[in-house]
Protein backbone atom coordinates (compact mmCIF):
# COMPACT_ATOMS: atom_id res chain seq x y z
CA MET A 1 21.41 17.95 165.02
CA PRO A 2 18.82 15.28 163.97
CA GLU A 3 16.29 14.02 166.47
CA PHE A 4 16.14 10.23 166.69
CA ILE A 5 12.84 8.65 167.70
CA GLN A 6 12.56 4.90 168.05
CA GLN A 7 10.41 3.39 165.33
CA ARG A 8 9.52 -0.22 166.13
CA HIS A 9 8.38 -2.40 163.26
CA LYS A 10 9.48 0.01 160.57
CA PRO A 11 7.95 -0.83 157.17
CA LEU A 12 9.78 -3.56 155.26
CA VAL A 13 12.21 -2.77 152.49
CA GLU A 14 10.57 -3.70 149.18
CA LEU A 15 12.49 -6.32 147.21
CA GLU A 16 12.46 -5.95 143.42
CA ARG A 17 12.70 -9.73 143.06
CA PRO A 18 12.61 -12.72 145.41
CA ARG A 19 15.94 -13.68 146.93
CA GLU A 20 17.53 -16.66 145.21
CA LEU A 21 19.41 -17.73 148.32
CA ILE A 22 18.64 -21.00 150.09
CA VAL A 23 20.16 -21.97 153.43
CA ALA A 24 20.96 -25.66 153.99
CA CYS A 25 22.03 -26.79 157.46
CA ALA A 26 23.91 -29.89 158.49
CA PRO A 27 22.31 -31.61 161.50
CA LEU A 28 22.57 -29.06 164.32
CA ARG A 29 22.89 -29.99 167.98
CA SER A 30 20.74 -27.11 169.14
CA ASN A 31 17.18 -26.38 168.03
CA ILE A 32 17.73 -22.87 169.43
CA ASN A 33 20.50 -22.27 166.88
CA LEU A 34 18.29 -23.56 164.06
CA SER A 35 15.43 -21.35 165.25
CA ARG A 36 17.70 -18.28 165.31
CA ILE A 37 18.86 -19.06 161.77
CA VAL A 38 15.22 -19.34 160.63
CA ARG A 39 14.39 -15.98 162.22
CA THR A 40 17.41 -14.28 160.64
CA ALA A 41 16.57 -15.80 157.25
CA GLY A 42 13.04 -14.40 157.56
CA CYS A 43 14.36 -10.94 158.42
CA MET A 44 16.63 -11.04 155.35
CA GLY A 45 13.80 -12.01 152.99
CA ILE A 46 15.06 -15.54 152.43
CA ARG A 47 12.16 -17.87 151.81
CA LYS A 48 13.61 -21.40 152.05
CA LEU A 49 15.73 -23.23 154.60
CA ILE A 50 16.66 -26.89 154.41
CA ALA A 51 17.40 -28.57 157.74
CA THR A 52 18.85 -32.05 158.07
CA GLY A 53 18.75 -34.46 160.96
CA PRO A 54 16.26 -34.18 163.83
CA ALA A 55 15.31 -30.54 163.20
CA ARG A 56 12.74 -28.78 165.38
CA ILE A 57 11.94 -25.08 165.53
CA VAL A 58 11.48 -23.22 168.81
CA ASP A 59 8.51 -21.02 167.86
CA LYS A 60 9.17 -18.17 170.30
CA ILE A 61 12.61 -17.64 168.77
CA ALA A 62 11.80 -18.26 165.11
CA ARG A 63 8.67 -16.12 165.12
CA ASN A 64 8.32 -12.41 165.79
CA SER A 65 7.82 -12.65 169.55
CA THR A 66 7.27 -9.70 171.83
CA ASP A 67 7.75 -9.37 175.56
CA ASP A 68 4.01 -9.68 176.16
CA GLY A 69 3.94 -13.13 174.52
CA ASP A 70 2.40 -11.98 171.24
CA ASP A 71 4.04 -14.14 168.59
CA THR A 72 1.47 -14.01 165.84
CA GLU A 73 3.73 -13.12 162.92
CA ALA A 74 5.61 -16.03 161.32
CA SER A 75 9.06 -15.69 159.78
CA GLY A 76 7.77 -16.52 156.29
CA VAL A 77 10.52 -19.11 155.76
CA GLU A 78 9.61 -22.48 154.26
CA LEU A 79 11.36 -25.12 156.36
CA VAL A 80 12.13 -28.38 154.55
CA SER A 81 13.58 -31.34 156.44
CA HIS A 82 15.80 -34.10 155.09
CA ARG A 83 17.65 -36.90 156.83
CA THR A 84 21.15 -36.15 155.50
CA LEU A 85 22.92 -33.25 153.79
CA PRO A 86 24.85 -34.75 150.81
CA PRO A 87 21.74 -35.72 148.74
CA VAL A 88 20.39 -32.19 149.31
CA LEU A 89 23.65 -30.69 148.03
CA GLN A 90 23.62 -32.93 144.96
CA LYS A 91 20.06 -31.82 144.15
CA LEU A 92 20.89 -28.11 144.64
CA ARG A 93 23.94 -28.52 142.39
CA ALA A 94 21.77 -30.10 139.69
CA GLU A 95 19.35 -27.14 139.99
CA GLY A 96 22.20 -24.71 139.22
CA TYR A 97 22.87 -23.27 142.67
CA GLN A 98 26.36 -22.12 143.58
CA LEU A 99 27.06 -24.13 146.77
CA VAL A 100 28.95 -22.01 149.29
CA GLY A 101 30.09 -23.67 152.49
CA LEU A 102 30.46 -21.57 155.64
CA GLU A 103 33.51 -23.13 157.25
CA GLN A 104 37.14 -22.56 158.18
CA THR A 105 39.19 -24.54 155.65
CA THR A 106 42.30 -24.34 153.53
CA ASP A 107 41.52 -22.12 150.53
CA SER A 108 38.39 -20.64 152.11
CA GLN A 109 37.78 -17.00 151.26
CA SER A 110 36.91 -14.14 153.59
CA ILE A 111 33.25 -13.10 153.32
CA PHE A 112 34.58 -9.53 153.07
CA GLU A 113 36.23 -10.38 149.71
CA PHE A 114 33.83 -13.01 148.34
CA GLN A 115 31.35 -12.17 145.58
CA PHE A 116 28.17 -14.21 145.93
CA GLU A 117 26.14 -15.26 142.93
CA ARG A 118 22.43 -14.49 143.13
CA LYS A 119 21.48 -18.16 142.90
CA THR A 120 23.40 -19.43 145.93
CA ALA A 121 22.87 -22.12 148.53
CA LEU A 122 24.66 -21.30 151.78
CA ILE A 123 25.72 -24.54 153.44
CA VAL A 124 26.04 -24.33 157.24
CA GLY A 125 27.85 -26.94 159.31
CA ASN A 126 27.29 -28.51 162.70
CA GLU A 127 28.20 -26.43 165.77
CA ARG A 128 31.01 -28.78 166.88
CA SER A 129 32.16 -30.68 163.80
CA GLY A 130 31.40 -28.17 161.03
CA LEU A 131 30.91 -29.51 157.51
CA ASP A 132 32.01 -33.11 157.00
CA GLU A 133 34.42 -34.17 154.24
CA GLU A 134 31.66 -35.48 151.97
CA SER A 135 29.79 -32.17 152.12
CA LEU A 136 32.99 -30.18 151.56
CA ARG A 137 33.67 -32.20 148.39
CA LEU A 138 30.25 -31.17 147.04
CA VAL A 139 30.48 -27.39 147.57
CA HIS A 140 31.84 -25.05 144.90
CA ARG A 141 33.38 -22.49 147.26
CA VAL A 142 33.98 -22.02 150.98
CA VAL A 143 33.77 -18.73 152.86
CA GLU A 144 34.78 -17.92 156.39
CA ILE A 145 34.53 -14.99 158.76
CA PRO A 146 38.01 -13.86 159.83
CA MET A 147 38.64 -14.09 163.58
CA PHE A 148 40.59 -11.39 165.37
CA GLY A 149 40.49 -12.86 168.86
CA LEU A 150 39.56 -15.94 170.84
CA PRO A 151 37.68 -18.23 170.67
CA TYR A 152 38.55 -19.32 167.14
CA ALA A 153 35.00 -19.41 165.78
CA LEU A 154 31.59 -17.78 166.17
CA ASN A 155 28.37 -19.50 167.20
CA VAL A 156 26.74 -21.10 164.13
CA ALA A 157 23.66 -18.87 164.30
CA THR A 158 25.81 -15.73 164.62
CA ALA A 159 28.11 -16.74 161.75
CA THR A 160 25.11 -17.57 159.56
CA ALA A 161 23.49 -14.22 160.35
CA MET A 162 26.67 -12.36 159.40
CA THR A 163 26.97 -14.27 156.13
CA LEU A 164 23.30 -13.75 155.24
CA TYR A 165 23.73 -10.06 155.90
CA GLU A 166 26.76 -9.93 153.56
CA TYR A 167 24.78 -11.68 150.81
CA CYS A 168 21.95 -9.16 151.27
CA ARG A 169 24.41 -6.26 151.31
CA GLN A 170 25.62 -7.41 147.88
CA PHE A 171 22.04 -7.82 146.60
CA PRO A 172 20.02 -5.23 148.57
CA ARG A 173 16.92 -5.41 146.32
CA GLY A 174 16.72 -9.17 145.92
């Protein structure tokens, strides 16, 4: 039987190429949720996140914090702020990104069946209202995480983490 010994801060997995995934967030109500998304993006090797609205990062969450207060290692994610989401989506479209909304809609596809393109922008909605109609008209595809119990939806940071993980599962080396 193998012996398991905890190995904190295991060496990073080497990516063969930079990830071509960008995360773009609608204005979020909670800076804690945005900070958790930034931290998850950093862990997944994603280098750019676009936040809209009054975005502010909670450093202790977004950075690699330890119990003793040592939070010297940044997530490595470039955070870009814009006032509203639709102009950001139009620009990403023009740059050739596949825009994938994370939302429960008619004709959305389960993340378990969806095939991401390498050059993807994951569009994340507001915690309460999701993605507005204008943003939904601009995305190419919509994915959702199937629910098997109540409540009907996951926390935005949790849902984003699951979707980022699925993208990285499909492209494990970048």
